Amino acid sequence: MEFLFIIIILIMSVVIHEVSHGYAALALGDSTAKYEGRLTLNPLSHLDPVGSVLVPLIGYFAGGFIIGWAKPVPFNPYNLRNQKWGEALVAVAGPLSNISLAIIFGMFLRFAPQYGFMNQAFFGLLSFVVMINIVLAIFNLIPIPPLDGSKILSAILPYKWQGFMQSLERYGLILVFVFIFLFWQVMSPVVSFLFSFITGIAF
């Protein structure tokens, strides 16, 4: 039952993440996601069998590390009004949506007990929402293609580095999993700190 709740929270969080990319692109002049029907919160339009189900399943039963993703929302960077920063702005919209969700539910987790609106089950549910969205924000800010962090970094780096960043895309998924395996023990305290900072609850 716990895993089912986690999967539902994860799927809705990654869907909001992807839809945020689509709306950011729309605001900047590209309607690709709108025309392809991806500006919807219907999970069926966004589910990726590997990233939305298989990877979280493996993570959960391998020790509780839960991460995942949905199908990327398409956009055409050449349609964006801001050619230098447009792609980076679209990219940052995803992690910002997760940070926003973590803060909103974290504030409820922080203040609701003062008014008697909290029981143990609800506390656990909100904790999952906050934790999963913190993890998603940090995960997607890793500067490895195809993650959002790589697009943000590409906008900052000199042009001569663009080819190098693009060449990494063919190895992107492998590099992401290697990064997680090697550095998650370093990232875990950051996640715990942010959870405690937002909610006021020691983790």
N, C-alpha and C. Protein backbone atom coordinates (compact mmCIF):
# COMPACT_ATOMS: atom_id res chain seq x y z
N MET A 1 0.83 -1.21 0.00
CA MET A 1 0.00 0.00 0.00
C MET A 1 0.87 1.26 0.00
N GLU A 2 1.94 1.23 0.80
CA GLU A 2 2.84 2.38 0.85
C GLU A 2 3.42 2.65 -0.53
N PHE A 3 3.84 1.59 -1.23
CA PHE A 3 4.44 1.76 -2.55
C PHE A 3 3.43 2.37 -3.52
N LEU A 4 2.16 1.96 -3.42
CA LEU A 4 1.13 2.50 -4.30
C LEU A 4 0.99 4.00 -4.11
N PHE A 5 0.96 4.46 -2.85
CA PHE A 5 0.87 5.89 -2.57
C PHE A 5 2.09 6.62 -3.14
N ILE A 6 3.27 6.03 -2.95
CA ILE A 6 4.50 6.65 -3.45
C ILE A 6 4.46 6.80 -4.96
N ILE A 7 4.02 5.75 -5.66
CA ILE A 7 3.95 5.78 -7.12
C ILE A 7 2.96 6.85 -7.59
N ILE A 8 1.81 6.94 -6.94
CA ILE A 8 0.81 7.95 -7.32
C ILE A 8 1.38 9.36 -7.14
N ILE A 9 2.02 9.59 -5.98
CA ILE A 9 2.63 10.91 -5.72
C ILE A 9 3.72 11.20 -6.73
N LEU A 10 4.57 10.21 -7.01
CA LEU A 10 5.66 10.39 -7.96
C LEU A 10 5.12 10.72 -9.35
N ILE A 11 4.14 9.96 -9.80
CA ILE A 11 3.59 10.17 -11.14
C ILE A 11 2.99 11.58 -11.27
N MET A 12 2.20 11.99 -10.29
CA MET A 12 1.60 13.32 -10.36
C MET A 12 2.68 14.41 -10.31
N SER A 13 3.73 14.17 -9.54
CA SER A 13 4.81 15.17 -9.43
C SER A 13 5.58 15.30 -10.74
N VAL A 14 5.88 14.16 -11.40
CA VAL A 14 6.61 14.25 -12.67
C VAL A 14 5.72 14.78 -13.78
N VAL A 15 4.42 14.52 -13.70
CA VAL A 15 3.49 15.08 -14.68
C VAL A 15 3.45 16.61 -14.56
N ILE A 16 3.32 17.12 -13.34
CA ILE A 16 3.34 18.57 -13.12
C ILE A 16 4.66 19.16 -13.59
N HIS A 17 5.75 18.45 -13.34
CA HIS A 17 7.08 18.87 -13.80
C HIS A 17 7.08 19.06 -15.31
N GLU A 18 6.59 18.05 -16.04
CA GLU A 18 6.62 18.12 -17.50
C GLU A 18 5.64 19.16 -18.06
N VAL A 19 4.45 19.23 -17.47
CA VAL A 19 3.48 20.23 -17.92
C VAL A 19 4.02 21.64 -17.71
N SER A 20 4.80 21.83 -16.65
CA SER A 20 5.42 23.14 -16.40
C SER A 20 6.38 23.52 -17.52
N HIS A 21 7.13 22.53 -18.02
CA HIS A 21 7.97 22.79 -19.20
C HIS A 21 7.12 23.28 -20.37
N GLY A 22 5.99 22.59 -20.59
CA GLY A 22 5.14 22.93 -21.72
C GLY A 22 4.56 24.33 -21.62
N TYR A 23 4.11 24.70 -20.43
CA TYR A 23 3.54 26.04 -20.26
C TYR A 23 4.61 27.12 -20.34
N ALA A 24 5.81 26.81 -19.87
CA ALA A 24 6.91 27.77 -19.99
C ALA A 24 7.24 28.01 -21.47
N ALA A 25 7.29 26.91 -22.24
CA ALA A 25 7.55 27.04 -23.68
C ALA A 25 6.44 27.85 -24.36
N LEU A 26 5.18 27.58 -23.96
CA LEU A 26 4.05 28.31 -24.54
C LEU A 26 4.16 29.80 -24.23
N ALA A 27 4.52 30.13 -23.00
CA ALA A 27 4.66 31.53 -22.61
C ALA A 27 5.78 32.23 -23.38
N LEU A 28 6.77 31.43 -23.82
CA LEU A 28 7.91 32.00 -24.53
C LEU A 28 7.74 31.92 -26.05
N GLY A 29 6.56 31.44 -26.51
CA GLY A 29 6.28 31.51 -27.93
C GLY A 29 6.17 30.20 -28.69
N ASP A 30 6.33 29.06 -28.02
CA ASP A 30 6.27 27.77 -28.73
C ASP A 30 5.01 27.01 -28.31
N SER A 31 4.22 26.59 -29.28
CA SER A 31 2.94 25.92 -29.01
C SER A 31 2.98 24.42 -29.27
N THR A 32 4.16 23.85 -29.44
CA THR A 32 4.27 22.44 -29.79
C THR A 32 3.54 21.54 -28.79
N ALA A 33 3.80 21.74 -27.51
CA ALA A 33 3.17 20.90 -26.48
C ALA A 33 1.65 21.04 -26.50
N LYS A 34 1.19 22.25 -26.73
CA LYS A 34 -0.26 22.50 -26.79
C LYS A 34 -0.89 21.74 -27.95
N TYR A 35 -0.27 21.81 -29.13
CA TYR A 35 -0.82 21.16 -30.31
C TYR A 35 -0.76 19.64 -30.21
N GLU A 36 0.19 19.11 -29.43
CA GLU A 36 0.32 17.66 -29.27
C GLU A 36 -0.45 17.14 -28.07
N GLY A 37 -1.24 17.99 -27.44
CA GLY A 37 -2.10 17.56 -26.34
C GLY A 37 -1.37 17.22 -25.06
N ARG A 38 -0.21 17.84 -24.83
CA ARG A 38 0.58 17.50 -23.65
C ARG A 38 0.43 18.51 -22.52
N LEU A 39 -0.39 19.53 -22.70
CA LEU A 39 -0.63 20.48 -21.61
C LEU A 39 -1.82 20.01 -20.79
N THR A 40 -1.73 18.81 -20.30
CA THR A 40 -2.80 18.19 -19.53
C THR A 40 -2.20 17.48 -18.32
N LEU A 41 -2.96 17.42 -17.24
CA LEU A 41 -2.51 16.70 -16.04
C LEU A 41 -2.93 15.24 -16.07
N ASN A 42 -3.52 14.80 -17.18
CA ASN A 42 -3.88 13.39 -17.32
C ASN A 42 -2.60 12.55 -17.40
N PRO A 43 -2.34 11.70 -16.40
CA PRO A 43 -1.08 10.93 -16.39
C PRO A 43 -0.90 10.06 -17.62
N LEU A 44 -2.00 9.59 -18.22
CA LEU A 44 -1.89 8.69 -19.37
C LEU A 44 -1.21 9.36 -20.55
N SER A 45 -1.25 10.68 -20.60
CA SER A 45 -0.59 11.40 -21.70
C SER A 45 0.91 11.54 -21.48
N HIS A 46 1.38 11.21 -20.29
CA HIS A 46 2.78 11.50 -19.94
C HIS A 46 3.57 10.28 -19.47
N LEU A 47 2.89 9.17 -19.16
CA LEU A 47 3.59 8.04 -18.54
C LEU A 47 4.67 7.47 -19.44
N ASP A 48 5.81 7.19 -18.84
CA ASP A 48 6.89 6.48 -19.49
C ASP A 48 7.03 5.15 -18.75
N PRO A 49 6.84 4.01 -19.43
CA PRO A 49 6.84 2.72 -18.72
C PRO A 49 8.10 2.48 -17.90
N VAL A 50 9.25 2.91 -18.41
CA VAL A 50 10.50 2.70 -17.68
C VAL A 50 10.63 3.72 -16.55
N GLY A 51 10.54 5.00 -16.89
CA GLY A 51 10.80 6.05 -15.91
C GLY A 51 9.71 6.24 -14.88
N SER A 52 8.45 5.92 -15.25
CA SER A 52 7.34 6.16 -14.33
C SER A 52 6.96 4.94 -13.50
N VAL A 53 7.39 3.76 -13.93
CA VAL A 53 7.00 2.54 -13.22
C VAL A 53 8.20 1.67 -12.86
N LEU A 54 8.98 1.26 -13.88
CA LEU A 54 10.05 0.29 -13.65
C LEU A 54 11.14 0.82 -12.74
N VAL A 55 11.66 2.01 -13.03
CA VAL A 55 12.75 2.57 -12.22
C VAL A 55 12.32 2.81 -10.78
N PRO A 56 11.13 3.42 -10.53
CA PRO A 56 10.69 3.56 -9.13
C PRO A 56 10.51 2.22 -8.44
N LEU A 57 10.02 1.22 -9.18
CA LEU A 57 9.82 -0.11 -8.61
C LEU A 57 11.15 -0.71 -8.17
N ILE A 58 12.16 -0.62 -9.03
CA ILE A 58 13.49 -1.14 -8.70
C ILE A 58 14.07 -0.38 -7.51
N GLY A 59 13.94 0.94 -7.54
CA GLY A 59 14.47 1.76 -6.45
C GLY A 59 13.84 1.44 -5.12
N TYR A 60 12.53 1.25 -5.12
CA TYR A 60 11.82 0.98 -3.86
C TYR A 60 12.28 -0.34 -3.25
N PHE A 61 12.32 -1.39 -4.07
CA PHE A 61 12.66 -2.71 -3.53
C PHE A 61 14.17 -2.91 -3.37
N ALA A 62 14.96 -1.98 -3.92
CA ALA A 62 16.42 -2.07 -3.74
C ALA A 62 16.90 -1.31 -2.52
N GLY A 63 15.97 -0.64 -1.84
CA GLY A 63 16.41 0.06 -0.63
C GLY A 63 15.76 1.39 -0.38
N GLY A 64 14.70 1.69 -1.13
CA GLY A 64 13.93 2.87 -0.80
C GLY A 64 14.29 4.13 -1.58
N PHE A 65 15.28 4.07 -2.49
CA PHE A 65 15.61 5.25 -3.30
C PHE A 65 14.60 5.36 -4.43
N ILE A 66 13.76 6.40 -4.38
CA ILE A 66 12.68 6.55 -5.34
C ILE A 66 12.95 7.75 -6.24
N ILE A 67 13.06 7.47 -7.53
CA ILE A 67 13.21 8.53 -8.52
C ILE A 67 12.50 8.06 -9.78
N GLY A 68 12.15 8.99 -10.64
CA GLY A 68 11.48 8.60 -11.87
C GLY A 68 11.30 9.80 -12.78
N TRP A 69 10.68 9.56 -13.91
CA TRP A 69 10.44 10.64 -14.87
C TRP A 69 9.26 10.27 -15.76
N ALA A 70 8.74 11.25 -16.47
CA ALA A 70 7.69 11.04 -17.45
C ALA A 70 8.26 11.29 -18.84
N LYS A 71 7.43 11.06 -19.87
CA LYS A 71 7.87 11.38 -21.23
C LYS A 71 8.10 12.88 -21.33
N PRO A 72 9.23 13.28 -21.89
CA PRO A 72 9.50 14.73 -22.01
C PRO A 72 8.42 15.42 -22.85
N VAL A 73 8.00 16.57 -22.40
CA VAL A 73 7.06 17.38 -23.18
C VAL A 73 7.83 18.01 -24.34
N PRO A 74 7.37 17.84 -25.57
CA PRO A 74 8.12 18.36 -26.72
C PRO A 74 8.00 19.88 -26.84
N PHE A 75 9.07 20.49 -27.28
CA PHE A 75 9.02 21.91 -27.64
C PHE A 75 10.10 22.17 -28.68
N ASN A 76 9.88 23.21 -29.45
CA ASN A 76 10.82 23.59 -30.51
C ASN A 76 11.58 24.83 -30.06
N PRO A 77 12.87 24.69 -29.73
CA PRO A 77 13.62 25.83 -29.21
C PRO A 77 13.72 26.98 -30.20
N TYR A 78 13.57 26.68 -31.51
CA TYR A 78 13.68 27.74 -32.52
C TYR A 78 12.45 28.64 -32.54
N ASN A 79 11.38 28.21 -31.89
CA ASN A 79 10.17 29.04 -31.81
C ASN A 79 10.19 29.99 -30.61
N LEU A 80 11.13 29.79 -29.71
CA LEU A 80 11.17 30.60 -28.50
C LEU A 80 11.63 32.02 -28.81
N ARG A 81 10.98 32.99 -28.20
CA ARG A 81 11.32 34.39 -28.48
C ARG A 81 12.73 34.74 -28.00
N ASN A 82 13.12 34.19 -26.88
CA ASN A 82 14.45 34.45 -26.34
C ASN A 82 15.36 33.29 -26.72
N GLN A 83 16.17 33.49 -27.77
CA GLN A 83 16.99 32.40 -28.29
C GLN A 83 18.17 32.05 -27.38
N LYS A 84 18.65 33.01 -26.62
CA LYS A 84 19.80 32.72 -25.75
C LYS A 84 19.38 31.98 -24.49
N TRP A 85 18.35 32.47 -23.82
CA TRP A 85 17.96 31.93 -22.52
C TRP A 85 16.66 31.14 -22.55
N GLY A 86 15.97 31.12 -23.70
CA GLY A 86 14.67 30.47 -23.76
C GLY A 86 14.68 29.02 -23.35
N GLU A 87 15.61 28.25 -23.90
CA GLU A 87 15.66 26.82 -23.58
C GLU A 87 15.97 26.59 -22.11
N ALA A 88 16.84 27.43 -21.54
CA ALA A 88 17.16 27.31 -20.12
C ALA A 88 15.95 27.66 -19.26
N LEU A 89 15.17 28.66 -19.67
CA LEU A 89 13.98 29.05 -18.92
C LEU A 89 12.93 27.94 -18.95
N VAL A 90 12.78 27.31 -20.10
CA VAL A 90 11.87 26.16 -20.19
C VAL A 90 12.36 25.03 -19.28
N ALA A 91 13.67 24.81 -19.28
CA ALA A 91 14.24 23.73 -18.47
C ALA A 91 14.05 23.97 -16.98
N VAL A 92 14.28 25.20 -16.53
CA VAL A 92 14.22 25.49 -15.10
C VAL A 92 12.79 25.45 -14.57
N ALA A 93 11.80 25.56 -15.46
CA ALA A 93 10.41 25.54 -15.02
C ALA A 93 10.04 24.21 -14.35
N GLY A 94 10.65 23.11 -14.81
CA GLY A 94 10.35 21.81 -14.22
C GLY A 94 10.78 21.69 -12.77
N PRO A 95 12.08 21.88 -12.48
CA PRO A 95 12.52 21.84 -11.08
C PRO A 95 11.83 22.88 -10.20
N LEU A 96 11.54 24.06 -10.76
CA LEU A 96 10.83 25.08 -9.97
C LEU A 96 9.45 24.61 -9.56
N SER A 97 8.79 23.85 -10.44
CA SER A 97 7.47 23.32 -10.08
C SER A 97 7.58 22.35 -8.91
N ASN A 98 8.63 21.52 -8.91
CA ASN A 98 8.83 20.58 -7.81
C ASN A 98 9.18 21.28 -6.51
N ILE A 99 10.02 22.31 -6.61
CA ILE A 99 10.36 23.09 -5.42
C ILE A 99 9.11 23.77 -4.86
N SER A 100 8.26 24.29 -5.76
CA SER A 100 7.02 24.94 -5.33
C SER A 100 6.10 23.96 -4.61
N LEU A 101 5.96 22.75 -5.17
CA LEU A 101 5.13 21.73 -4.53
C LEU A 101 5.68 21.37 -3.16
N ALA A 102 7.00 21.22 -3.07
CA ALA A 102 7.63 20.88 -1.79
C ALA A 102 7.36 21.96 -0.75
N ILE A 103 7.44 23.22 -1.16
CA ILE A 103 7.21 24.33 -0.22
C ILE A 103 5.75 24.40 0.20
N ILE A 104 4.83 24.28 -0.76
CA ILE A 104 3.40 24.37 -0.44
C ILE A 104 2.99 23.28 0.55
N PHE A 105 3.33 22.03 0.22
CA PHE A 105 2.94 20.93 1.11
C PHE A 105 3.78 20.93 2.38
N GLY A 106 5.01 21.43 2.28
CA GLY A 106 5.86 21.53 3.46
C GLY A 106 5.33 22.54 4.46
N MET A 107 4.78 23.64 3.96
CA MET A 107 4.20 24.64 4.86
C MET A 107 2.97 24.08 5.58
N PHE A 108 2.20 23.29 4.85
CA PHE A 108 1.04 22.65 5.49
C PHE A 108 1.51 21.67 6.55
N LEU A 109 2.56 20.94 6.24
CA LEU A 109 3.13 19.99 7.19
C LEU A 109 3.68 20.71 8.42
N ARG A 110 4.20 21.91 8.22
CA ARG A 110 4.79 22.68 9.31
C ARG A 110 3.71 23.26 10.24
N PHE A 111 2.62 23.78 9.65
CA PHE A 111 1.68 24.55 10.46
C PHE A 111 0.37 23.82 10.79
N ALA A 112 -0.01 22.81 9.99
CA ALA A 112 -1.30 22.14 10.23
C ALA A 112 -1.43 21.53 11.62
N PRO A 113 -0.38 20.90 12.17
CA PRO A 113 -0.54 20.29 13.50
C PRO A 113 -0.96 21.29 14.58
N GLN A 114 -0.61 22.56 14.40
CA GLN A 114 -0.98 23.57 15.40
C GLN A 114 -2.49 23.76 15.48
N TYR A 115 -3.19 23.38 14.41
CA TYR A 115 -4.64 23.57 14.36
C TYR A 115 -5.39 22.24 14.38
N GLY A 116 -4.68 21.17 14.70
CA GLY A 116 -5.32 19.87 14.85
C GLY A 116 -5.74 19.21 13.55
N PHE A 117 -5.10 19.59 12.42
CA PHE A 117 -5.47 19.04 11.13
C PHE A 117 -4.59 17.87 10.69
N MET A 118 -3.94 17.21 11.61
CA MET A 118 -2.94 16.22 11.22
C MET A 118 -3.13 14.92 11.99
N ASN A 119 -3.11 13.81 11.27
CA ASN A 119 -2.99 12.51 11.91
C ASN A 119 -1.79 11.80 11.29
N GLN A 120 -1.46 10.63 11.80
CA GLN A 120 -0.21 9.98 11.39
C GLN A 120 -0.20 9.64 9.90
N ALA A 121 -1.33 9.14 9.39
CA ALA A 121 -1.39 8.76 7.98
C ALA A 121 -1.23 9.98 7.07
N PHE A 122 -1.91 11.07 7.42
CA PHE A 122 -1.83 12.29 6.63
C PHE A 122 -0.43 12.89 6.71
N PHE A 123 0.17 12.81 7.89
CA PHE A 123 1.54 13.28 8.08
C PHE A 123 2.49 12.53 7.15
N GLY A 124 2.34 11.20 7.10
CA GLY A 124 3.20 10.39 6.24
C GLY A 124 3.01 10.72 4.78
N LEU A 125 1.75 10.92 4.37
CA LEU A 125 1.44 11.24 2.97
C LEU A 125 2.08 12.56 2.56
N LEU A 126 1.91 13.59 3.39
CA LEU A 126 2.50 14.89 3.06
C LEU A 126 4.02 14.83 3.06
N SER A 127 4.58 14.05 3.96
CA SER A 127 6.04 13.89 4.01
C SER A 127 6.56 13.29 2.71
N PHE A 128 5.83 12.30 2.17
CA PHE A 128 6.22 11.71 0.89
C PHE A 128 6.18 12.75 -0.23
N VAL A 129 5.13 13.58 -0.24
CA VAL A 129 5.00 14.61 -1.28
C VAL A 129 6.19 15.55 -1.24
N VAL A 130 6.52 16.03 -0.04
CA VAL A 130 7.63 16.98 0.10
C VAL A 130 8.95 16.32 -0.29
N MET A 131 9.20 15.12 0.23
CA MET A 131 10.47 14.45 -0.02
C MET A 131 10.66 14.13 -1.50
N ILE A 132 9.63 13.57 -2.12
CA ILE A 132 9.73 13.19 -3.53
C ILE A 132 9.99 14.41 -4.41
N ASN A 133 9.35 15.52 -4.11
CA ASN A 133 9.54 16.72 -4.94
C ASN A 133 10.90 17.36 -4.72
N ILE A 134 11.44 17.27 -3.51
CA ILE A 134 12.81 17.74 -3.29
C ILE A 134 13.78 16.89 -4.09
N VAL A 135 13.60 15.57 -4.04
CA VAL A 135 14.48 14.66 -4.78
C VAL A 135 14.38 14.93 -6.28
N LEU A 136 13.16 15.11 -6.80
CA LEU A 136 12.99 15.37 -8.23
C LEU A 136 13.66 16.67 -8.65
N ALA A 137 13.54 17.70 -7.83
CA ALA A 137 14.17 18.99 -8.16
C ALA A 137 15.68 18.84 -8.24
N ILE A 138 16.27 18.20 -7.24
CA ILE A 138 17.73 18.02 -7.22
C ILE A 138 18.17 17.13 -8.37
N PHE A 139 17.47 16.02 -8.57
CA PHE A 139 17.80 15.07 -9.63
C PHE A 139 17.81 15.76 -10.99
N ASN A 140 16.78 16.55 -11.27
CA ASN A 140 16.68 17.18 -12.59
C ASN A 140 17.64 18.33 -12.78
N LEU A 141 18.21 18.84 -11.70
CA LEU A 141 19.20 19.91 -11.82
C LEU A 141 20.62 19.38 -12.01
N ILE A 142 20.79 18.05 -12.00
CA ILE A 142 22.10 17.48 -12.32
C ILE A 142 22.46 17.88 -13.75
N PRO A 143 23.63 18.46 -13.97
CA PRO A 143 23.98 18.98 -15.31
C PRO A 143 24.47 17.92 -16.28
N ILE A 144 23.69 16.87 -16.43
CA ILE A 144 24.01 15.78 -17.36
C ILE A 144 22.85 15.64 -18.34
N PRO A 145 23.11 15.68 -19.66
CA PRO A 145 22.03 15.49 -20.63
C PRO A 145 21.36 14.13 -20.41
N PRO A 146 20.06 14.02 -20.55
CA PRO A 146 19.12 15.05 -21.03
C PRO A 146 18.42 15.81 -19.89
N LEU A 147 18.97 15.78 -18.69
CA LEU A 147 18.31 16.42 -17.55
C LEU A 147 18.31 17.94 -17.69
N ASP A 148 17.39 18.57 -16.97
CA ASP A 148 17.21 20.02 -17.09
C ASP A 148 18.47 20.80 -16.76
N GLY A 149 19.23 20.31 -15.81
CA GLY A 149 20.46 21.00 -15.42
C GLY A 149 21.43 21.18 -16.56
N SER A 150 21.45 20.23 -17.50
CA SER A 150 22.37 20.34 -18.64
C SER A 150 21.97 21.48 -19.57
N LYS A 151 20.66 21.70 -19.71
CA LYS A 151 20.19 22.79 -20.59
C LYS A 151 20.47 24.15 -19.95
N ILE A 152 20.33 24.20 -18.63
CA ILE A 152 20.65 25.44 -17.92
C ILE A 152 22.14 25.74 -18.03
N LEU A 153 22.96 24.69 -17.84
CA LEU A 153 24.41 24.86 -17.94
C LEU A 153 24.83 25.26 -19.35
N SER A 154 24.19 24.67 -20.36
CA SER A 154 24.54 24.99 -21.75
C SER A 154 24.31 26.46 -22.07
N ALA A 155 23.29 27.06 -21.46
CA ALA A 155 23.01 28.48 -21.70
C ALA A 155 24.07 29.37 -21.07
N ILE A 156 24.74 28.86 -20.05
CA ILE A 156 25.75 29.64 -19.33
C ILE A 156 27.14 29.46 -19.93
N LEU A 157 27.44 28.24 -20.39
CA LEU A 157 28.77 27.93 -20.90
C LEU A 157 29.06 28.67 -22.21
N PRO A 158 30.33 28.93 -22.50
CA PRO A 158 30.70 29.49 -23.81
C PRO A 158 30.27 28.57 -24.94
N TYR A 159 30.09 29.15 -26.12
CA TYR A 159 29.57 28.40 -27.26
C TYR A 159 30.43 27.18 -27.60
N LYS A 160 31.74 27.28 -27.39
CA LYS A 160 32.64 26.19 -27.76
C LYS A 160 32.36 24.90 -26.99
N TRP A 161 31.64 25.01 -25.86
CA TRP A 161 31.31 23.84 -25.06
C TRP A 161 30.01 23.18 -25.51
N GLN A 162 29.26 23.81 -26.40
CA GLN A 162 27.96 23.27 -26.78
C GLN A 162 28.08 21.89 -27.42
N GLY A 163 29.07 21.74 -28.28
CA GLY A 163 29.26 20.45 -28.94
C GLY A 163 29.56 19.34 -27.95
N PHE A 164 30.36 19.66 -26.94
CA PHE A 164 30.70 18.67 -25.92
C PHE A 164 29.45 18.25 -25.15
N MET A 165 28.62 19.22 -24.76
CA MET A 165 27.40 18.89 -24.03
C MET A 165 26.46 18.03 -24.88
N GLN A 166 26.37 18.35 -26.16
CA GLN A 166 25.51 17.56 -27.05
C GLN A 166 26.04 16.15 -27.23
N SER A 167 27.37 16.00 -27.24
CA SER A 167 27.96 14.67 -27.41
C SER A 167 27.69 13.76 -26.23
N LEU A 168 27.41 14.35 -25.06
CA LEU A 168 27.13 13.55 -23.87
C LEU A 168 25.73 12.93 -23.91
N GLU A 169 24.86 13.46 -24.77
CA GLU A 169 23.47 13.01 -24.76
C GLU A 169 23.34 11.52 -25.08
N ARG A 170 24.20 11.00 -25.93
CA ARG A 170 24.10 9.58 -26.27
C ARG A 170 24.40 8.67 -25.08
N TYR A 171 25.13 9.20 -24.11
CA TYR A 171 25.46 8.41 -22.91
C TYR A 171 24.68 8.90 -21.68
N GLY A 172 23.70 9.79 -21.93
CA GLY A 172 23.06 10.49 -20.83
C GLY A 172 22.50 9.61 -19.74
N LEU A 173 21.68 8.62 -20.12
CA LEU A 173 21.02 7.79 -19.11
C LEU A 173 22.03 7.01 -18.29
N ILE A 174 23.06 6.49 -18.95
CA ILE A 174 24.11 5.76 -18.23
C ILE A 174 24.82 6.68 -17.26
N LEU A 175 25.16 7.88 -17.71
CA LEU A 175 25.87 8.84 -16.85
C LEU A 175 25.02 9.25 -15.65
N VAL A 176 23.72 9.39 -15.87
CA VAL A 176 22.82 9.77 -14.77
C VAL A 176 22.82 8.69 -13.69
N PHE A 177 22.71 7.42 -14.10
CA PHE A 177 22.69 6.34 -13.12
C PHE A 177 24.03 6.19 -12.42
N VAL A 178 25.12 6.41 -13.14
CA VAL A 178 26.45 6.37 -12.52
C VAL A 178 26.57 7.48 -11.49
N PHE A 179 26.09 8.67 -11.85
CA PHE A 179 26.14 9.81 -10.93
C PHE A 179 25.35 9.50 -9.66
N ILE A 180 24.14 8.96 -9.83
CA ILE A 180 23.31 8.64 -8.67
C ILE A 180 24.01 7.61 -7.79
N PHE A 181 24.57 6.59 -8.39
CA PHE A 181 25.23 5.52 -7.63
C PHE A 181 26.42 6.07 -6.85
N LEU A 182 27.20 6.95 -7.48
CA LEU A 182 28.43 7.44 -6.85
C LEU A 182 28.18 8.58 -5.86
N PHE A 183 27.19 9.41 -6.13
CA PHE A 183 27.06 10.64 -5.36
C PHE A 183 25.79 10.74 -4.52
N TRP A 184 24.92 9.71 -4.54
CA TRP A 184 23.70 9.82 -3.77
C TRP A 184 23.98 9.97 -2.28
N GLN A 185 25.04 9.32 -1.79
CA GLN A 185 25.36 9.45 -0.37
C GLN A 185 25.73 10.89 -0.02
N VAL A 186 26.24 11.63 -1.01
CA VAL A 186 26.54 13.05 -0.79
C VAL A 186 25.26 13.88 -0.89
N MET A 187 24.39 13.52 -1.82
CA MET A 187 23.16 14.27 -2.03
C MET A 187 22.13 14.03 -0.94
N SER A 188 22.14 12.85 -0.35
CA SER A 188 21.13 12.50 0.65
C SER A 188 21.08 13.49 1.82
N PRO A 189 22.23 13.92 2.38
CA PRO A 189 22.16 14.93 3.45
C PRO A 189 21.57 16.26 2.98
N VAL A 190 21.78 16.60 1.70
CA VAL A 190 21.21 17.83 1.16
C VAL A 190 19.68 17.73 1.14
N VAL A 191 19.19 16.56 0.69
CA VAL A 191 17.74 16.33 0.68
C VAL A 191 17.17 16.41 2.09
N SER A 192 17.85 15.78 3.04
CA SER A 192 17.39 15.80 4.43
C SER A 192 17.38 17.22 4.99
N PHE A 193 18.43 17.99 4.67
CA PHE A 193 18.50 19.37 5.15
C PHE A 193 17.35 20.20 4.59
N LEU A 194 17.09 20.07 3.29
CA LEU A 194 16.01 20.85 2.67
C LEU A 194 14.65 20.45 3.23
N PHE A 195 14.46 19.15 3.47
CA PHE A 195 13.20 18.69 4.06
C PHE A 195 13.00 19.34 5.43
N SER A 196 14.03 19.31 6.25
CA SER A 196 13.94 19.90 7.59
C SER A 196 13.76 21.41 7.53
N PHE A 197 14.45 22.05 6.58
CA PHE A 197 14.36 23.51 6.43
C PHE A 197 12.94 23.94 6.04
N ILE A 198 12.33 23.19 5.13
CA ILE A 198 11.00 23.54 4.64
C ILE A 198 9.92 23.22 5.68
N THR A 199 10.02 22.05 6.29
CA THR A 199 8.94 21.58 7.16
C THR A 199 9.15 21.90 8.63
N GLY A 200 10.40 22.17 9.02
CA GLY A 200 10.70 22.37 10.43
C GLY A 200 10.76 21.08 11.21
N ILE A 201 10.81 19.94 10.48
CA ILE A 201 10.82 18.62 11.11
C ILE A 201 12.17 17.97 10.87
N ALA A 202 12.83 17.52 11.92
CA ALA A 202 14.12 16.86 11.78
C ALA A 202 13.94 15.57 11.00
N PHE A 203 14.89 15.31 10.10
CA PHE A 203 14.80 14.09 9.28
C PHE A 203 16.09 13.32 9.38
